[in-house]
Amino acid sequence: MRFNSDRPIFAQIQDLLVADILSGRLSSGERLPSARELAASLEVNPNPAARALQSLADSGVARCERGTGYFVAEGGPAIAREERRRRFFEEALPGVFKAMDELGVTTEDFLARYAARGKAAPEKSEPAKRAY
């Protein structure tokens, strides 16, 4: 995985795990990869991987079981989705509105594009497991 310098590596690893939870690759009760597994597969130091896992546990998305590792918490996907929605509304959406204003894109233009995007969408398949 290529990391960017805009955000700390642990936060990017956390985002990767949250994306897998929200997509269904990881479901409630399922074991998350260990910090060592994440570090080896992502080619990073184990410390940011461990920090990402602890951050997920601190937010309630994951739970830690002593001696066995981290697991997706019951209700974890809902917590992750709500946090992702909050970040979207606070961080991404203002940029979309600014770009719309700069480009003269109307809400009608936007809604037409939004409505059209679902018509050509392929059928959903079972998400493939990621090899961390």
N, C-alpha and C. Protein backbone atom coordinates (compact mmCIF):
# COMPACT_ATOMS: atom_id res chain seq x y z
N MET A 1 0.84 -1.17 0.00
CA MET A 1 0.00 0.00 0.00
C MET A 1 0.88 1.24 0.00
N ARG A 2 0.49 2.21 -0.77
CA ARG A 2 1.22 3.48 -0.81
C ARG A 2 0.55 4.44 0.17
N PHE A 3 1.33 4.95 1.07
CA PHE A 3 0.82 5.90 2.05
C PHE A 3 1.14 7.30 1.59
N ASN A 4 0.25 8.24 1.90
CA ASN A 4 0.54 9.63 1.58
C ASN A 4 0.95 10.36 2.85
N SER A 5 1.55 11.51 2.67
CA SER A 5 2.07 12.25 3.82
C SER A 5 1.05 13.21 4.43
N ASP A 6 -0.18 13.21 3.88
CA ASP A 6 -1.20 14.12 4.39
C ASP A 6 -1.74 13.71 5.76
N ARG A 7 -1.73 12.41 6.01
CA ARG A 7 -2.29 11.89 7.27
C ARG A 7 -1.31 10.90 7.87
N PRO A 8 -1.34 10.72 9.18
CA PRO A 8 -0.44 9.73 9.80
C PRO A 8 -0.72 8.32 9.26
N ILE A 9 0.32 7.51 9.21
CA ILE A 9 0.19 6.15 8.67
C ILE A 9 -0.84 5.35 9.46
N PHE A 10 -0.84 5.49 10.79
CA PHE A 10 -1.81 4.71 11.58
C PHE A 10 -3.24 5.04 11.17
N ALA A 11 -3.52 6.31 10.87
CA ALA A 11 -4.87 6.71 10.47
C ALA A 11 -5.23 6.13 9.11
N GLN A 12 -4.25 6.02 8.22
CA GLN A 12 -4.50 5.42 6.91
C GLN A 12 -4.74 3.91 7.03
N ILE A 13 -4.04 3.26 7.94
CA ILE A 13 -4.27 1.83 8.20
C ILE A 13 -5.66 1.67 8.81
N GLN A 14 -6.02 2.54 9.72
CA GLN A 14 -7.35 2.50 10.33
C GLN A 14 -8.42 2.66 9.24
N ASP A 15 -8.23 3.59 8.32
CA ASP A 15 -9.18 3.78 7.22
C ASP A 15 -9.30 2.53 6.36
N LEU A 16 -8.18 1.85 6.12
CA LEU A 16 -8.19 0.61 5.35
C LEU A 16 -9.04 -0.45 6.04
N LEU A 17 -8.86 -0.60 7.34
CA LEU A 17 -9.64 -1.59 8.10
C LEU A 17 -11.11 -1.21 8.14
N VAL A 18 -11.41 0.08 8.33
CA VAL A 18 -12.80 0.53 8.34
C VAL A 18 -13.44 0.28 6.98
N ALA A 19 -12.72 0.52 5.90
CA ALA A 19 -13.26 0.25 4.56
C ALA A 19 -13.61 -1.23 4.42
N ASP A 20 -12.77 -2.11 4.97
CA ASP A 20 -13.06 -3.54 4.90
C ASP A 20 -14.27 -3.91 5.76
N ILE A 21 -14.45 -3.24 6.87
CA ILE A 21 -15.61 -3.49 7.72
C ILE A 21 -16.88 -3.01 7.02
N LEU A 22 -16.84 -1.82 6.46
CA LEU A 22 -18.03 -1.26 5.80
C LEU A 22 -18.40 -2.01 4.52
N SER A 23 -17.39 -2.58 3.85
CA SER A 23 -17.68 -3.32 2.61
C SER A 23 -18.17 -4.74 2.88
N GLY A 24 -18.02 -5.21 4.11
CA GLY A 24 -18.43 -6.57 4.43
C GLY A 24 -17.30 -7.57 4.38
N ARG A 25 -16.10 -7.13 4.02
CA ARG A 25 -14.95 -8.05 4.02
C ARG A 25 -14.66 -8.55 5.44
N LEU A 26 -14.91 -7.68 6.41
CA LEU A 26 -14.79 -8.05 7.82
C LEU A 26 -16.13 -7.78 8.48
N SER A 27 -16.68 -8.77 9.16
CA SER A 27 -18.00 -8.60 9.77
C SER A 27 -17.89 -8.67 11.29
N SER A 28 -18.97 -8.31 11.96
CA SER A 28 -19.00 -8.31 13.42
C SER A 28 -18.56 -9.66 13.95
N GLY A 29 -17.69 -9.62 14.94
CA GLY A 29 -17.19 -10.84 15.56
C GLY A 29 -15.98 -11.43 14.87
N GLU A 30 -15.66 -10.96 13.69
CA GLU A 30 -14.52 -11.51 12.95
C GLU A 30 -13.22 -10.92 13.47
N ARG A 31 -12.18 -11.77 13.49
CA ARG A 31 -10.87 -11.36 13.98
C ARG A 31 -10.21 -10.43 12.98
N LEU A 32 -9.63 -9.34 13.49
CA LEU A 32 -8.85 -8.43 12.67
C LEU A 32 -7.42 -8.95 12.57
N PRO A 33 -6.71 -8.59 11.52
CA PRO A 33 -5.30 -9.02 11.45
C PRO A 33 -4.52 -8.43 12.63
N SER A 34 -3.51 -9.14 13.07
CA SER A 34 -2.68 -8.64 14.16
C SER A 34 -1.82 -7.48 13.67
N ALA A 35 -1.25 -6.76 14.61
CA ALA A 35 -0.36 -5.64 14.25
C ALA A 35 0.82 -6.16 13.43
N ARG A 36 1.34 -7.30 13.79
CA ARG A 36 2.47 -7.87 13.03
C ARG A 36 2.05 -8.26 11.62
N GLU A 37 0.86 -8.86 11.49
CA GLU A 37 0.36 -9.24 10.16
C GLU A 37 0.16 -8.00 9.29
N LEU A 38 -0.46 -6.98 9.87
CA LEU A 38 -0.66 -5.73 9.13
C LEU A 38 0.66 -5.11 8.73
N ALA A 39 1.59 -5.04 9.68
CA ALA A 39 2.89 -4.42 9.42
C ALA A 39 3.64 -5.15 8.31
N ALA A 40 3.63 -6.47 8.36
CA ALA A 40 4.35 -7.25 7.35
C ALA A 40 3.73 -7.08 5.96
N SER A 41 2.42 -7.16 5.87
CA SER A 41 1.79 -7.09 4.56
C SER A 41 1.79 -5.67 3.99
N LEU A 42 1.74 -4.66 4.86
CA LEU A 42 1.73 -3.27 4.39
C LEU A 42 3.13 -2.66 4.36
N GLU A 43 4.10 -3.44 4.82
CA GLU A 43 5.51 -3.02 4.83
C GLU A 43 5.71 -1.73 5.64
N VAL A 44 5.19 -1.77 6.87
CA VAL A 44 5.37 -0.65 7.79
C VAL A 44 5.87 -1.19 9.12
N ASN A 45 6.28 -0.29 9.97
CA ASN A 45 6.67 -0.63 11.33
C ASN A 45 5.43 -1.13 12.08
N PRO A 46 5.57 -2.10 12.98
CA PRO A 46 4.40 -2.59 13.73
C PRO A 46 3.74 -1.54 14.62
N ASN A 47 4.45 -0.48 15.02
CA ASN A 47 3.87 0.51 15.92
C ASN A 47 2.65 1.23 15.32
N PRO A 48 2.70 1.75 14.08
CA PRO A 48 1.49 2.37 13.55
C PRO A 48 0.35 1.38 13.35
N ALA A 49 0.68 0.13 13.04
CA ALA A 49 -0.36 -0.88 12.88
C ALA A 49 -1.04 -1.14 14.22
N ALA A 50 -0.25 -1.24 15.28
CA ALA A 50 -0.81 -1.44 16.62
C ALA A 50 -1.63 -0.23 17.05
N ARG A 51 -1.17 0.95 16.70
CA ARG A 51 -1.91 2.17 17.06
C ARG A 51 -3.25 2.22 16.32
N ALA A 52 -3.28 1.77 15.07
CA ALA A 52 -4.53 1.73 14.31
C ALA A 52 -5.53 0.80 14.96
N LEU A 53 -5.07 -0.38 15.37
CA LEU A 53 -5.96 -1.34 16.03
C LEU A 53 -6.47 -0.79 17.36
N GLN A 54 -5.59 -0.17 18.13
CA GLN A 54 -6.00 0.40 19.42
C GLN A 54 -6.99 1.54 19.22
N SER A 55 -6.78 2.34 18.18
CA SER A 55 -7.69 3.44 17.89
C SER A 55 -9.08 2.92 17.53
N LEU A 56 -9.14 1.82 16.78
CA LEU A 56 -10.44 1.20 16.46
C LEU A 56 -11.12 0.71 17.73
N ALA A 57 -10.34 0.15 18.65
CA ALA A 57 -10.91 -0.33 19.91
C ALA A 57 -11.39 0.86 20.76
N ASP A 58 -10.60 1.92 20.79
CA ASP A 58 -10.97 3.11 21.58
C ASP A 58 -12.28 3.72 21.07
N SER A 59 -12.53 3.63 19.76
CA SER A 59 -13.74 4.22 19.20
C SER A 59 -14.94 3.28 19.26
N GLY A 60 -14.72 2.03 19.67
CA GLY A 60 -15.82 1.08 19.77
C GLY A 60 -16.06 0.25 18.52
N VAL A 61 -15.24 0.44 17.50
CA VAL A 61 -15.40 -0.32 16.25
C VAL A 61 -14.86 -1.74 16.44
N ALA A 62 -13.82 -1.87 17.27
CA ALA A 62 -13.22 -3.18 17.53
C ALA A 62 -13.18 -3.41 19.03
N ARG A 63 -12.96 -4.66 19.39
CA ARG A 63 -12.76 -4.99 20.80
C ARG A 63 -11.51 -5.86 20.90
N CYS A 64 -10.80 -5.72 21.99
CA CYS A 64 -9.58 -6.48 22.21
C CYS A 64 -9.86 -7.61 23.19
N GLU A 65 -9.45 -8.80 22.81
CA GLU A 65 -9.54 -9.95 23.72
C GLU A 65 -8.12 -10.35 24.08
N ARG A 66 -7.81 -10.24 25.33
CA ARG A 66 -6.45 -10.52 25.78
C ARG A 66 -6.00 -11.90 25.31
N GLY A 67 -4.85 -11.91 24.67
CA GLY A 67 -4.24 -13.17 24.23
C GLY A 67 -4.73 -13.67 22.88
N THR A 68 -5.83 -13.13 22.36
CA THR A 68 -6.32 -13.62 21.07
C THR A 68 -6.36 -12.54 20.00
N GLY A 69 -6.35 -11.27 20.39
CA GLY A 69 -6.28 -10.20 19.40
C GLY A 69 -7.50 -9.31 19.37
N TYR A 70 -7.63 -8.59 18.27
CA TYR A 70 -8.72 -7.64 18.06
C TYR A 70 -9.78 -8.25 17.16
N PHE A 71 -11.04 -7.94 17.47
CA PHE A 71 -12.18 -8.43 16.71
C PHE A 71 -13.10 -7.26 16.39
N VAL A 72 -13.85 -7.36 15.28
CA VAL A 72 -14.84 -6.35 14.97
C VAL A 72 -15.92 -6.45 16.03
N ALA A 73 -16.20 -5.34 16.70
CA ALA A 73 -17.19 -5.32 17.79
C ALA A 73 -18.60 -5.42 17.24
N GLU A 74 -19.49 -5.96 18.06
CA GLU A 74 -20.92 -5.91 17.74
C GLU A 74 -21.28 -4.43 17.70
N GLY A 75 -21.91 -4.00 16.65
CA GLY A 75 -22.21 -2.58 16.50
C GLY A 75 -21.06 -1.78 15.92
N GLY A 76 -19.92 -2.42 15.74
CA GLY A 76 -18.75 -1.74 15.19
C GLY A 76 -18.98 -1.16 13.80
N PRO A 77 -19.61 -1.94 12.89
CA PRO A 77 -19.86 -1.37 11.56
C PRO A 77 -20.73 -0.11 11.60
N ALA A 78 -21.72 -0.08 12.49
CA ALA A 78 -22.58 1.11 12.59
C ALA A 78 -21.79 2.31 13.13
N ILE A 79 -20.93 2.07 14.10
CA ILE A 79 -20.09 3.14 14.64
C ILE A 79 -19.16 3.66 13.56
N ALA A 80 -18.55 2.74 12.81
CA ALA A 80 -17.63 3.14 11.74
C ALA A 80 -18.35 3.94 10.66
N ARG A 81 -19.54 3.50 10.30
CA ARG A 81 -20.32 4.21 9.27
C ARG A 81 -20.68 5.61 9.75
N GLU A 82 -21.09 5.74 11.00
CA GLU A 82 -21.46 7.05 11.53
C GLU A 82 -20.26 7.99 11.56
N GLU A 83 -19.10 7.49 11.95
CA GLU A 83 -17.89 8.31 11.95
C GLU A 83 -17.49 8.70 10.53
N ARG A 84 -17.61 7.77 9.61
CA ARG A 84 -17.28 8.08 8.21
C ARG A 84 -18.24 9.13 7.66
N ARG A 85 -19.52 9.04 8.01
CA ARG A 85 -20.51 10.04 7.58
C ARG A 85 -20.17 11.41 8.17
N ARG A 86 -19.80 11.44 9.45
CA ARG A 86 -19.45 12.70 10.09
C ARG A 86 -18.27 13.36 9.36
N ARG A 87 -17.24 12.56 9.09
CA ARG A 87 -16.07 13.10 8.38
C ARG A 87 -16.45 13.57 6.99
N PHE A 88 -17.33 12.85 6.30
CA PHE A 88 -17.76 13.26 4.96
C PHE A 88 -18.44 14.63 5.03
N PHE A 89 -19.40 14.78 5.94
CA PHE A 89 -20.13 16.04 6.04
C PHE A 89 -19.24 17.20 6.48
N GLU A 90 -18.28 16.93 7.37
CA GLU A 90 -17.43 18.00 7.89
C GLU A 90 -16.22 18.30 7.01
N GLU A 91 -15.68 17.29 6.32
CA GLU A 91 -14.42 17.47 5.60
C GLU A 91 -14.57 17.45 4.08
N ALA A 92 -15.30 16.47 3.54
CA ALA A 92 -15.36 16.32 2.07
C ALA A 92 -16.44 17.19 1.43
N LEU A 93 -17.60 17.21 2.01
CA LEU A 93 -18.72 17.92 1.39
C LEU A 93 -18.48 19.43 1.21
N PRO A 94 -17.87 20.12 2.17
CA PRO A 94 -17.60 21.53 1.92
C PRO A 94 -16.72 21.75 0.67
N GLY A 95 -15.78 20.86 0.42
CA GLY A 95 -14.95 20.95 -0.79
C GLY A 95 -15.76 20.72 -2.05
N VAL A 96 -16.72 19.81 -2.00
CA VAL A 96 -17.60 19.56 -3.15
C VAL A 96 -18.43 20.80 -3.44
N PHE A 97 -18.98 21.40 -2.39
CA PHE A 97 -19.78 22.62 -2.58
C PHE A 97 -18.94 23.74 -3.15
N LYS A 98 -17.71 23.88 -2.67
CA LYS A 98 -16.82 24.94 -3.18
C LYS A 98 -16.53 24.71 -4.66
N ALA A 99 -16.23 23.47 -5.03
CA ALA A 99 -15.96 23.16 -6.44
C ALA A 99 -17.20 23.39 -7.30
N MET A 100 -18.36 23.03 -6.79
CA MET A 100 -19.60 23.27 -7.54
C MET A 100 -19.79 24.77 -7.79
N ASP A 101 -19.54 25.58 -6.77
CA ASP A 101 -19.67 27.03 -6.93
C ASP A 101 -18.66 27.56 -7.95
N GLU A 102 -17.42 27.11 -7.86
CA GLU A 102 -16.37 27.58 -8.77
C GLU A 102 -16.65 27.19 -10.22
N LEU A 103 -17.25 26.02 -10.41
CA LEU A 103 -17.49 25.50 -11.76
C LEU A 103 -18.88 25.80 -12.29
N GLY A 104 -19.71 26.39 -11.47
CA GLY A 104 -21.07 26.70 -11.89
C GLY A 104 -21.96 25.48 -12.02
N VAL A 105 -21.66 24.45 -11.23
CA VAL A 105 -22.47 23.24 -11.24
C VAL A 105 -23.69 23.49 -10.35
N THR A 106 -24.87 23.29 -10.91
CA THR A 106 -26.09 23.50 -10.14
C THR A 106 -26.46 22.23 -9.38
N THR A 107 -27.34 22.38 -8.41
CA THR A 107 -27.81 21.20 -7.69
C THR A 107 -28.57 20.27 -8.64
N GLU A 108 -29.24 20.84 -9.65
CA GLU A 108 -29.93 20.01 -10.64
C GLU A 108 -28.93 19.17 -11.43
N ASP A 109 -27.78 19.80 -11.84
CA ASP A 109 -26.72 19.05 -12.53
C ASP A 109 -26.22 17.91 -11.65
N PHE A 110 -25.97 18.25 -10.41
CA PHE A 110 -25.44 17.27 -9.47
C PHE A 110 -26.41 16.11 -9.27
N LEU A 111 -27.69 16.43 -9.02
CA LEU A 111 -28.69 15.39 -8.78
C LEU A 111 -28.90 14.51 -10.00
N ALA A 112 -28.84 15.10 -11.20
CA ALA A 112 -28.98 14.31 -12.42
C ALA A 112 -27.83 13.32 -12.55
N ARG A 113 -26.61 13.77 -12.27
CA ARG A 113 -25.45 12.87 -12.31
C ARG A 113 -25.54 11.80 -11.24
N TYR A 114 -26.00 12.18 -10.08
CA TYR A 114 -26.14 11.23 -8.98
C TYR A 114 -27.16 10.15 -9.33
N ALA A 115 -28.29 10.56 -9.90
CA ALA A 115 -29.33 9.61 -10.28
C ALA A 115 -28.84 8.68 -11.39
N ALA A 116 -28.07 9.19 -12.33
CA ALA A 116 -27.60 8.40 -13.46
C ALA A 116 -26.53 7.39 -13.06
N ARG A 117 -25.79 7.65 -12.01
CA ARG A 117 -24.69 6.76 -11.64
C ARG A 117 -25.17 5.38 -11.24
N GLY A 118 -26.35 5.24 -10.68
CA GLY A 118 -26.86 3.95 -10.23
C GLY A 118 -27.40 3.09 -11.34
N LYS A 119 -27.72 3.68 -12.49
CA LYS A 119 -28.32 2.92 -13.58
C LYS A 119 -27.34 2.00 -14.26
N ALA A 120 -26.07 2.38 -14.29
CA ALA A 120 -25.08 1.57 -14.99
C ALA A 120 -24.24 0.74 -14.03
N ALA A 121 -24.62 0.70 -12.77
CA ALA A 121 -23.83 -0.02 -11.78
C ALA A 121 -23.97 -1.53 -11.97
N PRO A 122 -22.83 -2.25 -11.94
CA PRO A 122 -22.90 -3.71 -12.06
C PRO A 122 -23.48 -4.32 -10.79
N GLU A 123 -23.91 -5.57 -10.90
CA GLU A 123 -24.45 -6.26 -9.74
C GLU A 123 -23.36 -6.41 -8.69
N LYS A 124 -23.77 -6.30 -7.44
CA LYS A 124 -22.80 -6.44 -6.35
C LYS A 124 -22.44 -7.91 -6.19
N SER A 125 -21.14 -8.14 -5.99
CA SER A 125 -20.68 -9.49 -5.72
C SER A 125 -20.12 -9.52 -4.31
N GLU A 126 -19.84 -10.70 -3.83
CA GLU A 126 -19.27 -10.86 -2.50
C GLU A 126 -17.89 -10.21 -2.48
N PRO A 127 -17.62 -9.32 -1.51
CA PRO A 127 -16.32 -8.67 -1.47
C PRO A 127 -15.21 -9.68 -1.21
N ALA A 128 -14.12 -9.54 -1.94
CA ALA A 128 -12.99 -10.43 -1.79
C ALA A 128 -12.24 -10.10 -0.51
N LYS A 129 -11.73 -11.14 0.16
CA LYS A 129 -10.95 -10.93 1.36
C LYS A 129 -9.61 -10.29 0.96
N ARG A 130 -9.17 -9.33 1.75
CA ARG A 130 -7.91 -8.65 1.49
C ARG A 130 -6.79 -9.45 2.15
N ALA A 131 -5.69 -9.61 1.44
CA ALA A 131 -4.52 -10.26 2.04
C ALA A 131 -3.67 -9.18 2.67
N TYR A 132 -3.76 -9.04 3.98
CA TYR A 132 -3.04 -7.98 4.66
C TYR A 132 -1.58 -8.27 4.66
